Amino acid sequence: QVAPIRITNDLIPVTLYGDNIRALRAHDETNAALSHVFGQTVKLV
């Protein structure tokens, strides 16, 4: 409702409890809107 969830085809390495996982990242516009909502830089994957 805050930001359209648009996912790219870009796989990025993310860390979850020490596991390295490749995940699809959201578009920059989605991440910018979410960063504004949460008050810090965040990326949706």
PDB file of all heavy atoms in Angstrom:
ATOM      1  N   GLN A   1       0.823  -1.205   0.000  1.00  0.00           N
ATOM      2  CA  GLN A   1       0.000   0.000   0.000  1.00  0.00           C
ATOM      3  C   GLN A   1       0.861   1.260   0.000  1.00  0.00           C
ATOM      4  O   GLN A   1       0.421   2.321  -0.429  1.00  0.00           O
ATOM      5  CB  GLN A   1      -0.930   0.005   1.205  1.00  0.00           C
ATOM      6  CG  GLN A   1      -1.966  -1.096   1.139  1.00  0.00           C
ATOM      7  CD  GLN A   1      -2.783  -1.205   2.415  1.00  0.00           C
ATOM      8  OE1 GLN A   1      -2.688  -0.376   3.307  1.00  0.00           O
ATOM      9  NE2 GLN A   1      -3.596  -2.244   2.500  1.00  0.00           N
ATOM     10  N   VAL A   2       2.093   1.134   0.472  1.00  0.00           N
ATOM     11  CA  VAL A   2       3.016   2.271   0.523  1.00  0.00           C
ATOM     12  C   VAL A   2       3.834   2.376  -0.757  1.00  0.00           C
ATOM     13  O   VAL A   2       4.076   3.466  -1.261  1.00  0.00           O
ATOM     14  CB  VAL A   2       3.967   2.129   1.739  1.00  0.00           C
ATOM     15  CG1 VAL A   2       5.022   3.214   1.740  1.00  0.00           C
ATOM     16  CG2 VAL A   2       3.178   2.128   3.018  1.00  0.00           C
ATOM     17  N   ALA A   3       4.261   1.240  -1.264  1.00  0.00           N
ATOM     18  CA  ALA A   3       5.122   1.220  -2.445  1.00  0.00           C
ATOM     19  C   ALA A   3       4.778  -0.008  -3.286  1.00  0.00           C
ATOM     20  O   ALA A   3       4.664  -1.104  -2.746  1.00  0.00           O
ATOM     21  CB  ALA A   3       6.590   1.157  -2.022  1.00  0.00           C
ATOM     22  N   PRO A   4       4.614   0.176  -4.585  1.00  0.00           N
ATOM     23  CA  PRO A   4       4.361  -1.000  -5.413  1.00  0.00           C
ATOM     24  C   PRO A   4       5.547  -1.958  -5.318  1.00  0.00           C
ATOM     25  O   PRO A   4       6.701  -1.540  -5.394  1.00  0.00           O
ATOM     26  CB  PRO A   4       4.219  -0.445  -6.827  1.00  0.00           C
ATOM     27  CG  PRO A   4       4.469   1.014  -6.752  1.00  0.00           C
ATOM     28  CD  PRO A   4       4.707   1.398  -5.338  1.00  0.00           C
ATOM     29  N   ILE A   5       5.243  -3.221  -5.115  1.00  0.00           N
ATOM     30  CA  ILE A   5       6.316  -4.213  -4.986  1.00  0.00           C
ATOM     31  C   ILE A   5       6.685  -4.698  -6.380  1.00  0.00           C
ATOM     32  O   ILE A   5       5.949  -5.455  -6.994  1.00  0.00           O
ATOM     33  CB  ILE A   5       5.884  -5.371  -4.069  1.00  0.00           C
ATOM     34  CG1 ILE A   5       5.619  -4.818  -2.673  1.00  0.00           C
ATOM     35  CG2 ILE A   5       6.947  -6.457  -4.045  1.00  0.00           C
ATOM     36  CD1 ILE A   5       5.038  -5.809  -1.715  1.00  0.00           C
ATOM     37  N   ARG A   6       7.812  -4.193  -6.829  1.00  0.00           N
ATOM     38  CA  ARG A   6       8.327  -4.583  -8.142  1.00  0.00           C
ATOM     39  C   ARG A   6       9.678  -5.235  -7.918  1.00  0.00           C
ATOM     40  O   ARG A   6      10.570  -4.633  -7.326  1.00  0.00           O
ATOM     41  CB  ARG A   6       8.436  -3.356  -9.042  1.00  0.00           C
ATOM     42  CG  ARG A   6       7.062  -2.755  -9.342  1.00  0.00           C
ATOM     43  CD  ARG A   6       7.102  -1.532 -10.244  1.00  0.00           C
ATOM     44  NE  ARG A   6       8.074  -1.601 -11.303  1.00  0.00           N
ATOM     45  CZ  ARG A   6       8.871  -0.591 -11.635  1.00  0.00           C
ATOM     46  NH1 ARG A   6       8.817   0.560 -10.995  1.00  0.00           N
ATOM     47  NH2 ARG A   6       9.737  -0.725 -12.622  1.00  0.00           N
ATOM     48  N   ILE A   7       9.813  -6.465  -8.382  1.00  0.00           N
ATOM     49  CA  ILE A   7      11.030  -7.243  -8.190  1.00  0.00           C
ATOM     50  C   ILE A   7      11.802  -7.306  -9.503  1.00  0.00           C
ATOM     51  O   ILE A   7      11.220  -7.544 -10.562  1.00  0.00           O
ATOM     52  CB  ILE A   7      10.698  -8.674  -7.690  1.00  0.00           C
ATOM     53  CG1 ILE A   7       9.871  -8.626  -6.407  1.00  0.00           C
ATOM     54  CG2 ILE A   7      11.965  -9.506  -7.510  1.00  0.00           C
ATOM     55  CD1 ILE A   7      10.559  -8.006  -5.219  1.00  0.00           C
ATOM     56  N   THR A   8      13.104  -7.103  -9.420  1.00  0.00           N
ATOM     57  CA  THR A   8      13.955  -7.171 -10.609  1.00  0.00           C
ATOM     58  C   THR A   8      14.370  -8.628 -10.847  1.00  0.00           C
ATOM     59  O   THR A   8      14.048  -9.514 -10.068  1.00  0.00           O
ATOM     60  CB  THR A   8      15.231  -6.328 -10.423  1.00  0.00           C
ATOM     61  OG1 THR A   8      16.062  -6.963  -9.440  1.00  0.00           O
ATOM     62  CG2 THR A   8      14.919  -4.899  -9.997  1.00  0.00           C
ATOM     63  N   ASN A   9      15.122  -8.841 -11.888  1.00  0.00           N
ATOM     64  CA  ASN A   9      15.731 -10.150 -12.151  1.00  0.00           C
ATOM     65  C   ASN A   9      17.154 -10.203 -11.622  1.00  0.00           C
ATOM     66  O   ASN A   9      17.882 -11.163 -11.888  1.00  0.00           O
ATOM     67  CB  ASN A   9      15.722 -10.463 -13.651  1.00  0.00           C
ATOM     68  CG  ASN A   9      14.325 -10.744 -14.154  1.00  0.00           C
ATOM     69  OD1 ASN A   9      13.532 -11.374 -13.461  1.00  0.00           O
ATOM     70  ND2 ASN A   9      14.011 -10.277 -15.351  1.00  0.00           N
ATOM     71  N   ASP A  10      17.570  -9.159 -10.884  1.00  0.00           N
ATOM     72  CA  ASP A  10      18.930  -9.076 -10.358  1.00  0.00           C
ATOM     73  C   ASP A  10      19.065  -9.910  -9.096  1.00  0.00           C
ATOM     74  O   ASP A  10      18.402  -9.631  -8.092  1.00  0.00           O
ATOM     75  CB  ASP A  10      19.305  -7.626 -10.027  1.00  0.00           C
ATOM     76  CG  ASP A  10      19.254  -6.716 -11.232  1.00  0.00           C
ATOM     77  OD1 ASP A  10      19.378  -7.222 -12.363  1.00  0.00           O
ATOM     78  OD2 ASP A  10      19.084  -5.503 -11.037  1.00  0.00           O
ATOM     79  N   LEU A  11      19.933 -10.905  -9.137  1.00  0.00           N
ATOM     80  CA  LEU A  11      20.232 -11.703  -7.951  1.00  0.00           C
ATOM     81  C   LEU A  11      21.358 -11.027  -7.186  1.00  0.00           C
ATOM     82  O   LEU A  11      22.391 -10.681  -7.774  1.00  0.00           O
ATOM     83  CB  LEU A  11      20.658 -13.111  -8.342  1.00  0.00           C
ATOM     84  CG  LEU A  11      19.549 -14.067  -8.751  1.00  0.00           C
ATOM     85  CD1 LEU A  11      20.138 -15.334  -9.353  1.00  0.00           C
ATOM     86  CD2 LEU A  11      18.672 -14.416  -7.560  1.00  0.00           C
ATOM     87  N   ILE A  12      21.156 -10.811  -5.897  1.00  0.00           N
ATOM     88  CA  ILE A  12      22.205 -10.241  -5.070  1.00  0.00           C
ATOM     89  C   ILE A  12      22.481 -11.198  -3.917  1.00  0.00           C
ATOM     90  O   ILE A  12      21.590 -11.910  -3.465  1.00  0.00           O
ATOM     91  CB  ILE A  12      21.831  -8.831  -4.537  1.00  0.00           C
ATOM     92  CG1 ILE A  12      20.595  -8.888  -3.633  1.00  0.00           C
ATOM     93  CG2 ILE A  12      21.650  -7.854  -5.694  1.00  0.00           C
ATOM     94  CD1 ILE A  12      20.312  -7.590  -2.882  1.00  0.00           C
ATOM     95  N   PRO A  13      23.726 -11.218  -3.422  1.00  0.00           N
ATOM     96  CA  PRO A  13      24.015 -12.077  -2.264  1.00  0.00           C
ATOM     97  C   PRO A  13      23.517 -11.401  -0.991  1.00  0.00           C
ATOM     98  O   PRO A  13      23.791 -10.227  -0.750  1.00  0.00           O
ATOM     99  CB  PRO A  13      25.543 -12.186  -2.282  1.00  0.00           C
ATOM    100  CG  PRO A  13      26.008 -10.961  -2.996  1.00  0.00           C
ATOM    101  CD  PRO A  13      24.908 -10.568  -3.941  1.00  0.00           C
ATOM    102  N   VAL A  14      22.748 -12.135  -0.191  1.00  0.00           N
ATOM    103  CA  VAL A  14      22.264 -11.630   1.090  1.00  0.00           C
ATOM    104  C   VAL A  14      22.696 -12.605   2.180  1.00  0.00           C
ATOM    105  O   VAL A  14      22.959 -13.778   1.912  1.00  0.00           O
ATOM    106  CB  VAL A  14      20.736 -11.422   1.105  1.00  0.00           C
ATOM    107  CG1 VAL A  14      20.326 -10.394   0.056  1.00  0.00           C
ATOM    108  CG2 VAL A  14      19.989 -12.721   0.900  1.00  0.00           C
ATOM    109  N   THR A  15      22.767 -12.094   3.401  1.00  0.00           N
ATOM    110  CA  THR A  15      23.186 -12.919   4.533  1.00  0.00           C
ATOM    111  C   THR A  15      22.030 -13.085   5.497  1.00  0.00           C
ATOM    112  O   THR A  15      21.406 -12.109   5.917  1.00  0.00           O
ATOM    113  CB  THR A  15      24.383 -12.263   5.253  1.00  0.00           C
ATOM    114  OG1 THR A  15      25.427 -12.035   4.302  1.00  0.00           O
ATOM    115  CG2 THR A  15      24.914 -13.172   6.354  1.00  0.00           C
ATOM    116  N   LEU A  16      21.754 -14.335   5.837  1.00  0.00           N
ATOM    117  CA  LEU A  16      20.702 -14.682   6.785  1.00  0.00           C
ATOM    118  C   LEU A  16      21.301 -15.658   7.779  1.00  0.00           C
ATOM    119  O   LEU A  16      21.580 -16.804   7.439  1.00  0.00           O
ATOM    120  CB  LEU A  16      19.509 -15.314   6.054  1.00  0.00           C
ATOM    121  CG  LEU A  16      18.391 -15.887   6.915  1.00  0.00           C
ATOM    122  CD1 LEU A  16      17.716 -14.779   7.734  1.00  0.00           C
ATOM    123  CD2 LEU A  16      17.365 -16.604   6.050  1.00  0.00           C
ATOM    124  N   TYR A  17      21.532 -15.191   9.006  1.00  0.00           N
ATOM    125  CA  TYR A  17      22.134 -16.021  10.058  1.00  0.00           C
ATOM    126  C   TYR A  17      23.407 -16.728   9.585  1.00  0.00           C
ATOM    127  O   TYR A  17      23.594 -17.913   9.809  1.00  0.00           O
ATOM    128  CB  TYR A  17      21.126 -17.045  10.583  1.00  0.00           C
ATOM    129  CG  TYR A  17      19.915 -16.427  11.224  1.00  0.00           C
ATOM    130  CD1 TYR A  17      18.650 -16.742  10.768  1.00  0.00           C
ATOM    131  CD2 TYR A  17      20.033 -15.524  12.265  1.00  0.00           C
ATOM    132  CE1 TYR A  17      17.522 -16.173  11.358  1.00  0.00           C
ATOM    133  CE2 TYR A  17      18.917 -14.949  12.842  1.00  0.00           C
ATOM    134  CZ  TYR A  17      17.672 -15.282  12.391  1.00  0.00           C
ATOM    135  OH  TYR A  17      16.569 -14.708  12.959  1.00  0.00           O
ATOM    136  N   GLY A  18      24.248 -16.008   8.902  1.00  0.00           N
ATOM    137  CA  GLY A  18      25.514 -16.568   8.440  1.00  0.00           C
ATOM    138  C   GLY A  18      25.428 -17.311   7.127  1.00  0.00           C
ATOM    139  O   GLY A  18      26.451 -17.631   6.529  1.00  0.00           O
ATOM    140  N   ASP A  19      24.215 -17.613   6.664  1.00  0.00           N
ATOM    141  CA  ASP A  19      24.054 -18.270   5.360  1.00  0.00           C
ATOM    142  C   ASP A  19      24.120 -17.211   4.270  1.00  0.00           C
ATOM    143  O   ASP A  19      23.487 -16.153   4.377  1.00  0.00           O
ATOM    144  CB  ASP A  19      22.695 -18.974   5.256  1.00  0.00           C
ATOM    145  CG  ASP A  19      22.588 -20.204   6.125  1.00  0.00           C
ATOM    146  OD1 ASP A  19      23.636 -20.709   6.583  1.00  0.00           O
ATOM    147  OD2 ASP A  19      21.455 -20.664   6.342  1.00  0.00           O
ATOM    148  N   ASN A  20      24.856 -17.524   3.228  1.00  0.00           N
ATOM    149  CA  ASN A  20      24.883 -16.650   2.059  1.00  0.00           C
ATOM    150  C   ASN A  20      23.890 -17.195   1.051  1.00  0.00           C
ATOM    151  O   ASN A  20      23.995 -18.344   0.624  1.00  0.00           O
ATOM    152  CB  ASN A  20      26.289 -16.577   1.472  1.00  0.00           C
ATOM    153  CG  ASN A  20      27.254 -15.910   2.428  1.00  0.00           C
ATOM    154  OD1 ASN A  20      26.947 -14.853   2.972  1.00  0.00           O
ATOM    155  ND2 ASN A  20      28.391 -16.523   2.654  1.00  0.00           N
ATOM    156  N   ILE A  21      22.924 -16.364   0.699  1.00  0.00           N
ATOM    157  CA  ILE A  21      21.826 -16.757  -0.175  1.00  0.00           C
ATOM    158  C   ILE A  21      21.740 -15.735  -1.301  1.00  0.00           C
ATOM    159  O   ILE A  21      21.948 -14.541  -1.086  1.00  0.00           O
ATOM    160  CB  ILE A  21      20.497 -16.761   0.613  1.00  0.00           C
ATOM    161  CG1 ILE A  21      20.589 -17.698   1.816  1.00  0.00           C
ATOM    162  CG2 ILE A  21      19.324 -17.138  -0.286  1.00  0.00           C
ATOM    163  CD1 ILE A  21      19.469 -17.518   2.813  1.00  0.00           C
ATOM    164  N   ARG A  22      21.405 -16.193  -2.476  1.00  0.00           N
ATOM    165  CA  ARG A  22      21.181 -15.269  -3.584  1.00  0.00           C
ATOM    166  C   ARG A  22      19.684 -14.988  -3.664  1.00  0.00           C
ATOM    167  O   ARG A  22      18.879 -15.913  -3.671  1.00  0.00           O
ATOM    168  CB  ARG A  22      21.730 -15.848  -4.875  1.00  0.00           C
ATOM    169  CG  ARG A  22      23.259 -16.006  -4.780  1.00  0.00           C
ATOM    170  CD  ARG A  22      23.927 -16.551  -5.993  1.00  0.00           C
ATOM    171  NE  ARG A  22      23.697 -15.846  -7.225  1.00  0.00           N
ATOM    172  CZ  ARG A  22      24.272 -14.704  -7.602  1.00  0.00           C
ATOM    173  NH1 ARG A  22      25.115 -14.106  -6.789  1.00  0.00           N
ATOM    174  NH2 ARG A  22      24.018 -14.163  -8.771  1.00  0.00           N
ATOM    175  N   ALA A  23      19.333 -13.702  -3.668  1.00  0.00           N
ATOM    176  CA  ALA A  23      17.928 -13.300  -3.670  1.00  0.00           C
ATOM    177  C   ALA A  23      17.698 -12.247  -4.745  1.00  0.00           C
ATOM    178  O   ALA A  23      18.610 -11.521  -5.139  1.00  0.00           O
ATOM    179  CB  ALA A  23      17.560 -12.737  -2.299  1.00  0.00           C
ATOM    180  N   LEU A  24      16.460 -12.176  -5.198  1.00  0.00           N
ATOM    181  CA  LEU A  24      16.069 -11.165  -6.173  1.00  0.00           C
ATOM    182  C   LEU A  24      15.776  -9.864  -5.432  1.00  0.00           C
ATOM    183  O   LEU A  24      15.066  -9.870  -4.429  1.00  0.00           O
ATOM    184  CB  LEU A  24      14.815 -11.622  -6.922  1.00  0.00           C
ATOM    185  CG  LEU A  24      14.977 -12.878  -7.763  1.00  0.00           C
ATOM    186  CD1 LEU A  24      13.615 -13.420  -8.179  1.00  0.00           C
ATOM    187  CD2 LEU A  24      15.833 -12.587  -8.981  1.00  0.00           C
ATOM    188  N   ARG A  25      16.317  -8.756  -5.909  1.00  0.00           N
ATOM    189  CA  ARG A  25      16.097  -7.483  -5.223  1.00  0.00           C
ATOM    190  C   ARG A  25      14.944  -6.729  -5.860  1.00  0.00           C
ATOM    191  O   ARG A  25      14.635  -6.895  -7.031  1.00  0.00           O
ATOM    192  CB  ARG A  25      17.358  -6.631  -5.223  1.00  0.00           C
ATOM    193  CG  ARG A  25      17.689  -6.003  -6.526  1.00  0.00           C
ATOM    194  CD  ARG A  25      18.822  -4.972  -6.416  1.00  0.00           C
ATOM    195  NE  ARG A  25      19.085  -4.427  -7.733  1.00  0.00           N
ATOM    196  CZ  ARG A  25      18.395  -3.452  -8.288  1.00  0.00           C
ATOM    197  NH1 ARG A  25      17.408  -2.882  -7.640  1.00  0.00           N
ATOM    198  NH2 ARG A  25      18.682  -3.023  -9.495  1.00  0.00           N
ATOM    199  N   ALA A  26      14.323  -5.901  -5.040  1.00  0.00           N
ATOM    200  CA  ALA A  26      13.244  -5.044  -5.530  1.00  0.00           C
ATOM    201  C   ALA A  26      13.840  -3.883  -6.317  1.00  0.00           C
ATOM    202  O   ALA A  26      15.022  -3.545  -6.175  1.00  0.00           O
ATOM    203  CB  ALA A  26      12.418  -4.528  -4.359  1.00  0.00           C
ATOM    204  N   HIS A  27      13.006  -3.248  -7.140  1.00  0.00           N
ATOM    205  CA  HIS A  27      13.420  -2.071  -7.903  1.00  0.00           C
ATOM    206  C   HIS A  27      13.839  -0.955  -6.947  1.00  0.00           C
ATOM    207  O   HIS A  27      13.377  -0.881  -5.810  1.00  0.00           O
ATOM    208  CB  HIS A  27      12.261  -1.571  -8.778  1.00  0.00           C
ATOM    209  CG  HIS A  27      12.118  -2.325 -10.054  1.00  0.00           C
ATOM    210  ND1 HIS A  27      12.694  -1.926 -11.235  1.00  0.00           N
ATOM    211  CD2 HIS A  27      11.464  -3.477 -10.319  1.00  0.00           C
ATOM    212  CE1 HIS A  27      12.396  -2.791 -12.186  1.00  0.00           C
ATOM    213  NE2 HIS A  27      11.650  -3.747 -11.655  1.00  0.00           N
ATOM    214  N   ASP A  28      14.683  -0.070  -7.448  1.00  0.00           N
ATOM    215  CA  ASP A  28      15.179   1.044  -6.644  1.00  0.00           C
ATOM    216  C   ASP A  28      14.039   1.904  -6.090  1.00  0.00           C
ATOM    217  O   ASP A  28      14.111   2.365  -4.946  1.00  0.00           O
ATOM    218  CB  ASP A  28      16.130   1.921  -7.463  1.00  0.00           C
ATOM    219  CG  ASP A  28      17.439   1.204  -7.793  1.00  0.00           C
ATOM    220  OD1 ASP A  28      17.770   0.214  -7.097  1.00  0.00           O
ATOM    221  OD2 ASP A  28      18.121   1.625  -8.737  1.00  0.00           O
ATOM    222  N   GLU A  29      12.977   2.112  -6.875  1.00  0.00           N
ATOM    223  CA  GLU A  29      11.853   2.939  -6.415  1.00  0.00           C
ATOM    224  C   GLU A  29      11.165   2.295  -5.209  1.00  0.00           C
ATOM    225  O   GLU A  29      10.791   2.978  -4.260  1.00  0.00           O
ATOM    226  CB  GLU A  29      10.825   3.151  -7.539  1.00  0.00           C
ATOM    227  CG  GLU A  29      11.365   3.858  -8.765  1.00  0.00           C
ATOM    228  CD  GLU A  29      12.092   2.914  -9.732  1.00  0.00           C
ATOM    229  OE1 GLU A  29      11.886   1.675  -9.679  1.00  0.00           O
ATOM    230  OE2 GLU A  29      12.876   3.418 -10.541  1.00  0.00           O
ATOM    231  N   THR A  30      10.990   0.991  -5.268  1.00  0.00           N
ATOM    232  CA  THR A  30      10.378   0.268  -4.150  1.00  0.00           C
ATOM    233  C   THR A  30      11.250   0.407  -2.913  1.00  0.00           C
ATOM    234  O   THR A  30      10.761   0.719  -1.829  1.00  0.00           O
ATOM    235  CB  THR A  30      10.190  -1.225  -4.505  1.00  0.00           C
ATOM    236  OG1 THR A  30       9.353  -1.322  -5.658  1.00  0.00           O
ATOM    237  CG2 THR A  30       9.592  -2.002  -3.350  1.00  0.00           C
ATOM    238  N   ASN A  31      12.545   0.192  -3.079  1.00  0.00           N
ATOM    239  CA  ASN A  31      13.468   0.261  -1.940  1.00  0.00           C
ATOM    240  C   ASN A  31      13.572   1.674  -1.373  1.00  0.00           C
ATOM    241  O   ASN A  31      13.671   1.844  -0.157  1.00  0.00           O
ATOM    242  CB  ASN A  31      14.834  -0.286  -2.332  1.00  0.00           C
ATOM    243  CG  ASN A  31      14.795  -1.786  -2.554  1.00  0.00           C
ATOM    244  OD1 ASN A  31      14.001  -2.496  -1.940  1.00  0.00           O
ATOM    245  ND2 ASN A  31      15.630  -2.278  -3.449  1.00  0.00           N
ATOM    246  N   ALA A  32      13.517   2.672  -2.231  1.00  0.00           N
ATOM    247  CA  ALA A  32      13.557   4.063  -1.743  1.00  0.00           C
ATOM    248  C   ALA A  32      12.319   4.372  -0.899  1.00  0.00           C
ATOM    249  O   ALA A  32      12.418   4.979   0.170  1.00  0.00           O
ATOM    250  CB  ALA A  32      13.660   5.032  -2.917  1.00  0.00           C
ATOM    251  N   ALA A  33      11.162   3.932  -1.351  1.00  0.00           N
ATOM    252  CA  ALA A  33       9.930   4.173  -0.595  1.00  0.00           C
ATOM    253  C   ALA A  33       9.965   3.440   0.739  1.00  0.00           C
ATOM    254  O   ALA A  33       9.579   3.991   1.778  1.00  0.00           O
ATOM    255  CB  ALA A  33       8.718   3.733  -1.413  1.00  0.00           C
ATOM    256  N   LEU A  34      10.447   2.205   0.744  1.00  0.00           N
ATOM    257  CA  LEU A  34      10.533   1.439   1.991  1.00  0.00           C
ATOM    258  C   LEU A  34      11.566   2.036   2.937  1.00  0.00           C
ATOM    259  O   LEU A  34      11.364   2.056   4.150  1.00  0.00           O
ATOM    260  CB  LEU A  34      10.850  -0.021   1.703  1.00  0.00           C
ATOM    261  CG  LEU A  34       9.746  -0.785   0.965  1.00  0.00           C
ATOM    262  CD1 LEU A  34      10.197  -2.205   0.657  1.00  0.00           C
ATOM    263  CD2 LEU A  34       8.468  -0.785   1.762  1.00  0.00           C
ATOM    264  N   SER A  35      12.663   2.528   2.401  1.00  0.00           N
ATOM    265  CA  SER A  35      13.677   3.182   3.235  1.00  0.00           C
ATOM    266  C   SER A  35      13.082   4.406   3.918  1.00  0.00           C
ATOM    267  O   SER A  35      13.363   4.673   5.091  1.00  0.00           O
ATOM    268  CB  SER A  35      14.889   3.575   2.390  1.00  0.00           C
ATOM    269  OG  SER A  35      15.536   2.414   1.889  1.00  0.00           O
ATOM    270  N   HIS A  36      12.232   5.124   3.208  1.00  0.00           N
ATOM    271  CA  HIS A  36      11.559   6.280   3.801  1.00  0.00           C
ATOM    272  C   HIS A  36      10.618   5.835   4.928  1.00  0.00           C
ATOM    273  O   HIS A  36      10.609   6.428   6.011  1.00  0.00           O
ATOM    274  CB  HIS A  36      10.788   7.042   2.724  1.00  0.00           C
ATOM    275  CG  HIS A  36      10.050   8.226   3.242  1.00  0.00           C
ATOM    276  ND1 HIS A  36      10.685   9.389   3.615  1.00  0.00           N
ATOM    277  CD2 HIS A  36       8.740   8.406   3.483  1.00  0.00           C
ATOM    278  CE1 HIS A  36       9.781  10.245   4.064  1.00  0.00           C
ATOM    279  NE2 HIS A  36       8.592   9.672   3.993  1.00  0.00           N
ATOM    280  N   VAL A  37       9.864   4.775   4.693  1.00  0.00           N
ATOM    281  CA  VAL A  37       8.924   4.261   5.707  1.00  0.00           C
ATOM    282  C   VAL A  37       9.664   3.831   6.971  1.00  0.00           C
ATOM    283  O   VAL A  37       9.236   4.133   8.084  1.00  0.00           O
ATOM    284  CB  VAL A  37       8.108   3.068   5.141  1.00  0.00           C
ATOM    285  CG1 VAL A  37       7.371   2.324   6.243  1.00  0.00           C
ATOM    286  CG2 VAL A  37       7.136   3.553   4.079  1.00  0.00           C
ATOM    287  N   PHE A  38      10.788   3.130   6.802  1.00  0.00           N
ATOM    288  CA  PHE A  38      11.505   2.571   7.951  1.00  0.00           C
ATOM    289  C   PHE A  38      12.581   3.502   8.516  1.00  0.00           C
ATOM    290  O   PHE A  38      13.192   3.189   9.529  1.00  0.00           O
ATOM    291  CB  PHE A  38      12.099   1.212   7.590  1.00  0.00           C
ATOM    292  CG  PHE A  38      11.054   0.137   7.448  1.00  0.00           C
ATOM    293  CD1 PHE A  38      10.668  -0.315   6.205  1.00  0.00           C
ATOM    294  CD2 PHE A  38      10.430  -0.401   8.568  1.00  0.00           C
ATOM    295  CE1 PHE A  38       9.694  -1.296   6.065  1.00  0.00           C
ATOM    296  CE2 PHE A  38       9.458  -1.378   8.443  1.00  0.00           C
ATOM    297  CZ  PHE A  38       9.087  -1.832   7.191  1.00  0.00           C
ATOM    298  N   GLY A  39      12.834   4.627   7.850  1.00  0.00           N
ATOM    299  CA  GLY A  39      13.775   5.607   8.383  1.00  0.00           C
ATOM    300  C   GLY A  39      15.235   5.206   8.284  1.00  0.00           C
ATOM    301  O   GLY A  39      16.079   5.754   8.993  1.00  0.00           O
ATOM    302  N   GLN A  40      15.538   4.256   7.443  1.00  0.00           N
ATOM    303  CA  GLN A  40      16.922   3.853   7.187  1.00  0.00           C
ATOM    304  C   GLN A  40      16.960   3.110   5.860  1.00  0.00           C
ATOM    305  O   GLN A  40      15.925   2.720   5.325  1.00  0.00           O
ATOM    306  CB  GLN A  40      17.472   2.962   8.308  1.00  0.00           C
ATOM    307  CG  GLN A  40      16.849   1.577   8.364  1.00  0.00           C
ATOM    308  CD  GLN A  40      17.417   0.734   9.496  1.00  0.00           C
ATOM    309  OE1 GLN A  40      17.193   1.057  10.661  1.00  0.00           O
ATOM    310  NE2 GLN A  40      18.127  -0.314   9.166  1.00  0.00           N
ATOM    311  N   THR A  41      18.154   2.934   5.327  1.00  0.00           N
ATOM    312  CA  THR A  41      18.287   2.237   4.055  1.00  0.00           C
ATOM    313  C   THR A  41      17.927   0.771   4.219  1.00  0.00           C
ATOM    314  O   THR A  41      18.520   0.068   5.042  1.00  0.00           O
ATOM    315  CB  THR A  41      19.735   2.360   3.512  1.00  0.00           C
ATOM    316  OG1 THR A  41      20.038   3.750   3.343  1.00  0.00           O
ATOM    317  CG2 THR A  41      19.887   1.640   2.189  1.00  0.00           C
ATOM    318  N   VAL A  42      16.929   0.350   3.469  1.00  0.00           N
ATOM    319  CA  VAL A  42      16.525  -1.057   3.444  1.00  0.00           C
ATOM    320  C   VAL A  42      16.309  -1.471   1.996  1.00  0.00           C
ATOM    321  O   VAL A  42      16.049  -0.633   1.135  1.00  0.00           O
ATOM    322  CB  VAL A  42      15.243  -1.336   4.256  1.00  0.00           C
ATOM    323  CG1 VAL A  42      15.431  -0.992   5.727  1.00  0.00           C
ATOM    324  CG2 VAL A  42      14.045  -0.632   3.680  1.00  0.00           C
ATOM    325  N   LYS A  43      16.432  -2.763   1.769  1.00  0.00           N
ATOM    326  CA  LYS A  43      16.115  -3.330   0.459  1.00  0.00           C
ATOM    327  C   LYS A  43      15.192  -4.518   0.678  1.00  0.00           C
ATOM    328  O   LYS A  43      15.419  -5.320   1.584  1.00  0.00           O
ATOM    329  CB  LYS A  43      17.379  -3.808  -0.256  1.00  0.00           C
ATOM    330  CG  LYS A  43      18.292  -2.710  -0.723  1.00  0.00           C
ATOM    331  CD  LYS A  43      19.492  -3.291  -1.439  1.00  0.00           C
ATOM    332  CE  LYS A  43      20.726  -2.969  -0.633  1.00  0.00           C
ATOM    333  NZ  LYS A  43      21.954  -3.505  -1.179  1.00  0.00           N
ATOM    334  N   LEU A  44      14.181  -4.604  -0.141  1.00  0.00           N
ATOM    335  CA  LEU A  44      13.295  -5.754  -0.132  1.00  0.00           C
ATOM    336  C   LEU A  44      13.876  -6.793  -1.088  1.00  0.00           C
ATOM    337  O   LEU A  44      14.248  -6.454  -2.209  1.00  0.00           O
ATOM    338  CB  LEU A  44      11.896  -5.347  -0.588  1.00  0.00           C
ATOM    339  CG  LEU A  44      10.848  -6.449  -0.642  1.00  0.00           C
ATOM    340  CD1 LEU A  44      10.504  -6.944   0.774  1.00  0.00           C
ATOM    341  CD2 LEU A  44       9.587  -5.953  -1.360  1.00  0.00           C
ATOM    342  N   VAL A  45      13.968  -8.025  -0.624  1.00  0.00           N
ATOM    343  CA  VAL A  45      14.443  -9.108  -1.483  1.00  0.00           C
ATOM    344  C   VAL A  45      13.428 -10.249  -1.456  1.00  0.00           C
ATOM    345  O   VAL A  45      12.671 -10.405  -0.505  1.00  0.00           O
ATOM    346  CB  VAL A  45      15.847  -9.622  -1.082  1.00  0.00           C
ATOM    347  CG1 VAL A  45      16.904  -8.526  -1.264  1.00  0.00           C
ATOM    348  CG2 VAL A  45      15.871 -10.159   0.338  1.00  0.00           C
TER     349      VAL A  45
END
